[in-house]
Amino acid sequence: MTDNIFASSIFFRLTIGGNDLGEFATCSGLGAQVEIEQYQEGGNNGFAYQLPGRITWSNITLTRAVTKDTTKIARWLDEIIRRVQPKDGEIVALQPDGTPIVSWQVLGIVPVRWEGPTFDPNSSQPGLETLEIAHVGLRPS
């Protein structure tokens, strides 16, 4: 496990295409939305059928304080810039002691946005980095 700056809460480990990109303090966007199509049958005025359509997957955003793992993101982005190829990965929610709580297999990951830290000597806040990824599906691991 890397430097444990998350001593009192759950944190998240991200792996993409076999590359361990480190641990993050927050993870948001684990979700999906199913488009519903209504079908109205002739002669049936009591209800309309609700038929499932396409699934839309939310982008996932992970945030952490800058650590030595920040360079792992830079290397991964450099690799993707040369050849964009969706890769599967995994997000694991971990207890403070590193014990896994739950994990998700994330399919077809591509980067959407990386925002590096802002360093302000007048602030006591740590420099934060944010990674946003798109994907084509989630499965429990």
C-alpha atoms as a PDB file:
ATOM      1  CA  MET A   1       0.000   0.000   0.000  1.00  0.00           C
ATOM      2  CA  THR A   2       1.264   3.527  -0.730  1.00  0.00           C
ATOM      3  CA  ASP A   3       1.538   6.324   1.831  1.00  0.00           C
ATOM      4  CA  ASN A   4      -1.713   6.095   3.752  1.00  0.00           C
ATOM      5  CA  ILE A   5      -2.905   9.694   3.854  1.00  0.00           C
ATOM      6  CA  PHE A   6      -6.465   8.413   4.278  1.00  0.00           C
ATOM      7  CA  ALA A   7      -6.126   7.262   7.882  1.00  0.00           C
ATOM      8  CA  SER A   8      -9.743   7.713   8.967  1.00  0.00           C
ATOM      9  CA  SER A   9     -11.996   6.852   6.022  1.00  0.00           C
ATOM     10  CA  ILE A  10     -12.620   4.614   3.056  1.00  0.00           C
ATOM     11  CA  PHE A  11     -10.326   5.104   0.069  1.00  0.00           C
ATOM     12  CA  PHE A  12     -10.226   3.700  -3.450  1.00  0.00           C
ATOM     13  CA  ARG A  13      -7.514   1.898  -5.445  1.00  0.00           C
ATOM     14  CA  LEU A  14      -7.613   2.279  -9.246  1.00  0.00           C
ATOM     15  CA  THR A  15      -6.055  -0.174 -11.677  1.00  0.00           C
ATOM     16  CA  ILE A  16      -6.340   0.238 -15.467  1.00  0.00           C
ATOM     17  CA  GLY A  17      -4.999  -2.311 -17.942  1.00  0.00           C
ATOM     18  CA  GLY A  18      -2.891  -3.916 -15.216  1.00  0.00           C
ATOM     19  CA  ASN A  19      -1.370  -0.560 -14.172  1.00  0.00           C
ATOM     20  CA  ASP A  20      -1.885   0.271 -10.494  1.00  0.00           C
ATOM     21  CA  LEU A  21      -2.570   4.019 -10.513  1.00  0.00           C
ATOM     22  CA  GLY A  22      -2.672   4.302  -6.743  1.00  0.00           C
ATOM     23  CA  GLU A  23      -5.186   5.239  -4.090  1.00  0.00           C
ATOM     24  CA  PHE A  24      -7.753   8.010  -4.155  1.00  0.00           C
ATOM     25  CA  ALA A  25      -9.659   9.735  -1.346  1.00  0.00           C
ATOM     26  CA  THR A  26     -12.925  10.154  -3.261  1.00  0.00           C
ATOM     27  CA  CYS A  27     -14.729   8.306  -6.022  1.00  0.00           C
ATOM     28  CA  SER A  28     -17.962   9.562  -7.557  1.00  0.00           C
ATOM     29  CA  GLY A  29     -20.039   8.691 -10.600  1.00  0.00           C
ATOM     30  CA  LEU A  30     -20.435   4.946 -10.116  1.00  0.00           C
ATOM     31  CA  GLY A  31     -23.818   4.726 -11.764  1.00  0.00           C
ATOM     32  CA  ALA A  32     -25.960   3.980 -14.763  1.00  0.00           C
ATOM     33  CA  GLN A  33     -29.206   5.169 -16.242  1.00  0.00           C
ATOM     34  CA  VAL A  34     -31.560   3.040 -18.315  1.00  0.00           C
ATOM     35  CA  GLU A  35     -33.570   4.814 -20.993  1.00  0.00           C
ATOM     36  CA  ILE A  36     -37.211   3.778 -20.762  1.00  0.00           C
ATOM     37  CA  GLU A  37     -39.406   3.600 -23.838  1.00  0.00           C
ATOM     38  CA  GLN A  38     -43.146   3.677 -23.391  1.00  0.00           C
ATOM     39  CA  TYR A  39     -45.277   1.417 -25.549  1.00  0.00           C
ATOM     40  CA  GLN A  40     -48.997   2.126 -25.612  1.00  0.00           C
ATOM     41  CA  GLU A  41     -51.033  -0.876 -26.627  1.00  0.00           C
ATOM     42  CA  GLY A  42     -54.226  -0.115 -28.548  1.00  0.00           C
ATOM     43  CA  GLY A  43     -57.382  -0.669 -26.489  1.00  0.00           C
ATOM     44  CA  ASN A  44     -55.455  -0.683 -23.185  1.00  0.00           C
ATOM     45  CA  ASN A  45     -55.947   2.714 -21.539  1.00  0.00           C
ATOM     46  CA  GLY A  46     -54.983   1.593 -18.020  1.00  0.00           C
ATOM     47  CA  PHE A  47     -51.218   1.748 -18.478  1.00  0.00           C
ATOM     48  CA  ALA A  48     -48.360   1.968 -20.941  1.00  0.00           C
ATOM     49  CA  TYR A  49     -45.643  -0.677 -21.060  1.00  0.00           C
ATOM     50  CA  GLN A  50     -42.271   0.529 -19.749  1.00  0.00           C
ATOM     51  CA  LEU A  51     -39.594  -1.126 -21.898  1.00  0.00           C
ATOM     52  CA  PRO A  52     -35.888  -0.828 -21.046  1.00  0.00           C
ATOM     53  CA  GLY A  53     -33.694   0.718 -23.732  1.00  0.00           C
ATOM     54  CA  ARG A  54     -30.024   1.702 -23.773  1.00  0.00           C
ATOM     55  CA  ILE A  55     -27.890   2.042 -20.684  1.00  0.00           C
ATOM     56  CA  THR A  56     -25.880   5.217 -20.174  1.00  0.00           C
ATOM     57  CA  TRP A  57     -22.915   4.956 -17.804  1.00  0.00           C
ATOM     58  CA  SER A  58     -21.816   7.958 -15.746  1.00  0.00           C
ATOM     59  CA  ASN A  59     -18.233   9.177 -15.926  1.00  0.00           C
ATOM     60  CA  ILE A  60     -16.237   8.309 -12.817  1.00  0.00           C
ATOM     61  CA  THR A  61     -14.252  11.000 -11.017  1.00  0.00           C
ATOM     62  CA  LEU A  62     -11.495  10.203  -8.528  1.00  0.00           C
ATOM     63  CA  THR A  63      -9.677  12.780  -6.400  1.00  0.00           C
ATOM     64  CA  ARG A  64      -6.660  12.626  -4.117  1.00  0.00           C
ATOM     65  CA  ALA A  65      -3.901  14.709  -2.621  1.00  0.00           C
ATOM     66  CA  VAL A  66      -0.708  14.715  -4.644  1.00  0.00           C
ATOM     67  CA  THR A  67       1.474  11.730  -3.746  1.00  0.00           C
ATOM     68  CA  LYS A  68       4.263   9.797  -5.415  1.00  0.00           C
ATOM     69  CA  ASP A  69       1.447   8.003  -7.332  1.00  0.00           C
ATOM     70  CA  THR A  70       0.758  11.216  -9.271  1.00  0.00           C
ATOM     71  CA  THR A  71       3.529  10.233 -11.688  1.00  0.00           C
ATOM     72  CA  LYS A  72       1.663   6.993 -12.427  1.00  0.00           C
ATOM     73  CA  ILE A  73      -1.235   9.024 -13.844  1.00  0.00           C
ATOM     74  CA  ALA A  74       1.175  11.092 -15.953  1.00  0.00           C
ATOM     75  CA  ARG A  75       2.755   7.922 -17.391  1.00  0.00           C
ATOM     76  CA  TRP A  76      -0.655   6.377 -18.127  1.00  0.00           C
ATOM     77  CA  LEU A  77      -1.844   9.562 -19.866  1.00  0.00           C
ATOM     78  CA  ASP A  78       1.371   9.697 -21.905  1.00  0.00           C
ATOM     79  CA  GLU A  79       0.736   6.119 -23.064  1.00  0.00           C
ATOM     80  CA  ILE A  80      -2.900   6.911 -23.945  1.00  0.00           C
ATOM     81  CA  ILE A  81      -1.968  10.081 -25.853  1.00  0.00           C
ATOM     82  CA  ARG A  82       0.194   8.049 -28.225  1.00  0.00           C
ATOM     83  CA  ARG A  83      -2.517   5.442 -28.824  1.00  0.00           C
ATOM     84  CA  VAL A  84      -6.001   5.686 -27.389  1.00  0.00           C
ATOM     85  CA  GLN A  85      -7.126   2.167 -26.662  1.00  0.00           C
ATOM     86  CA  PRO A  86      -9.903   1.479 -24.143  1.00  0.00           C
ATOM     87  CA  LYS A  87      -8.753  -0.843 -21.377  1.00  0.00           C
ATOM     88  CA  ASP A  88     -10.558  -2.613 -18.588  1.00  0.00           C
ATOM     89  CA  GLY A  89      -9.755  -1.817 -14.992  1.00  0.00           C
ATOM     90  CA  GLU A  90     -10.890  -2.122 -11.426  1.00  0.00           C
ATOM     91  CA  ILE A  91     -11.879   0.179  -8.591  1.00  0.00           C
ATOM     92  CA  VAL A  92     -11.597  -1.297  -5.106  1.00  0.00           C
ATOM     93  CA  ALA A  93     -13.063   0.416  -2.031  1.00  0.00           C
ATOM     94  CA  LEU A  94     -10.724  -0.187   0.911  1.00  0.00           C
ATOM     95  CA  GLN A  95     -10.936   0.200   4.667  1.00  0.00           C
ATOM     96  CA  PRO A  96      -8.214   2.291   6.342  1.00  0.00           C
ATOM     97  CA  ASP A  97      -6.218  -0.881   7.043  1.00  0.00           C
ATOM     98  CA  GLY A  98      -6.265  -1.824   3.326  1.00  0.00           C
ATOM     99  CA  THR A  99      -8.931  -4.530   3.618  1.00  0.00           C
ATOM    100  CA  PRO A 100     -11.164  -4.586   0.495  1.00  0.00           C
ATOM    101  CA  ILE A 101     -14.821  -3.716   1.058  1.00  0.00           C
ATOM    102  CA  VAL A 102     -16.208  -3.971  -2.477  1.00  0.00           C
ATOM    103  CA  SER A 103     -14.783  -3.827  -5.980  1.00  0.00           C
ATOM    104  CA  TRP A 104     -16.050  -3.069  -9.467  1.00  0.00           C
ATOM    105  CA  GLN A 105     -14.679  -4.186 -12.802  1.00  0.00           C
ATOM    106  CA  VAL A 106     -14.768  -1.129 -15.090  1.00  0.00           C
ATOM    107  CA  LEU A 107     -14.970  -1.943 -18.809  1.00  0.00           C
ATOM    108  CA  GLY A 108     -13.475   0.031 -21.704  1.00  0.00           C
ATOM    109  CA  ILE A 109     -11.888   2.894 -19.761  1.00  0.00           C
ATOM    110  CA  VAL A 110     -10.672   6.015 -21.558  1.00  0.00           C
ATOM    111  CA  PRO A 111      -9.522   9.250 -19.907  1.00  0.00           C
ATOM    112  CA  VAL A 112     -11.795  12.288 -20.088  1.00  0.00           C
ATOM    113  CA  ARG A 113      -9.961  14.813 -17.928  1.00  0.00           C
ATOM    114  CA  TRP A 114      -7.034  15.110 -15.558  1.00  0.00           C
ATOM    115  CA  GLU A 115      -6.626  18.183 -13.429  1.00  0.00           C
ATOM    116  CA  GLY A 116      -3.332  18.616 -11.684  1.00  0.00           C
ATOM    117  CA  PRO A 117      -2.761  20.286  -8.345  1.00  0.00           C
ATOM    118  CA  THR A 118      -2.731  23.969  -7.583  1.00  0.00           C
ATOM    119  CA  PHE A 119       0.019  24.772  -5.145  1.00  0.00           C
ATOM    120  CA  ASP A 120      -0.628  27.848  -3.016  1.00  0.00           C
ATOM    121  CA  PRO A 121       1.967  28.644  -0.346  1.00  0.00           C
ATOM    122  CA  ASN A 122      -0.636  30.802   1.447  1.00  0.00           C
ATOM    123  CA  SER A 123      -2.989  27.848   1.910  1.00  0.00           C
ATOM    124  CA  SER A 124      -2.698  24.930   4.279  1.00  0.00           C
ATOM    125  CA  GLN A 125      -4.715  22.748   1.891  1.00  0.00           C
ATOM    126  CA  PRO A 126      -2.832  19.940   0.126  1.00  0.00           C
ATOM    127  CA  GLY A 127      -2.472  20.037  -3.648  1.00  0.00           C
ATOM    128  CA  LEU A 128      -5.247  17.891  -5.150  1.00  0.00           C
ATOM    129  CA  GLU A 129      -5.447  16.065  -8.447  1.00  0.00           C
ATOM    130  CA  THR A 130      -8.622  14.856 -10.158  1.00  0.00           C
ATOM    131  CA  LEU A 131      -8.994  12.120 -12.764  1.00  0.00           C
ATOM    132  CA  GLU A 132     -12.197  11.665 -14.749  1.00  0.00           C
ATOM    133  CA  ILE A 133     -12.685   8.526 -16.816  1.00  0.00           C
ATOM    134  CA  ALA A 134     -15.408   7.325 -19.195  1.00  0.00           C
ATOM    135  CA  HIS A 135     -16.279   3.656 -19.605  1.00  0.00           C
ATOM    136  CA  VAL A 136     -18.758   1.280 -21.218  1.00  0.00           C
ATOM    137  CA  GLY A 137     -19.902  -0.629 -18.148  1.00  0.00           C
ATOM    138  CA  LEU A 138     -19.456  -1.786 -14.566  1.00  0.00           C
ATOM    139  CA  ARG A 139     -19.557  -5.282 -13.109  1.00  0.00           C
ATOM    140  CA  PRO A 140     -19.098  -6.399  -9.534  1.00  0.00           C
ATOM    141  CA  SER A 141     -15.724  -8.118  -9.089  1.00  0.00           C
END
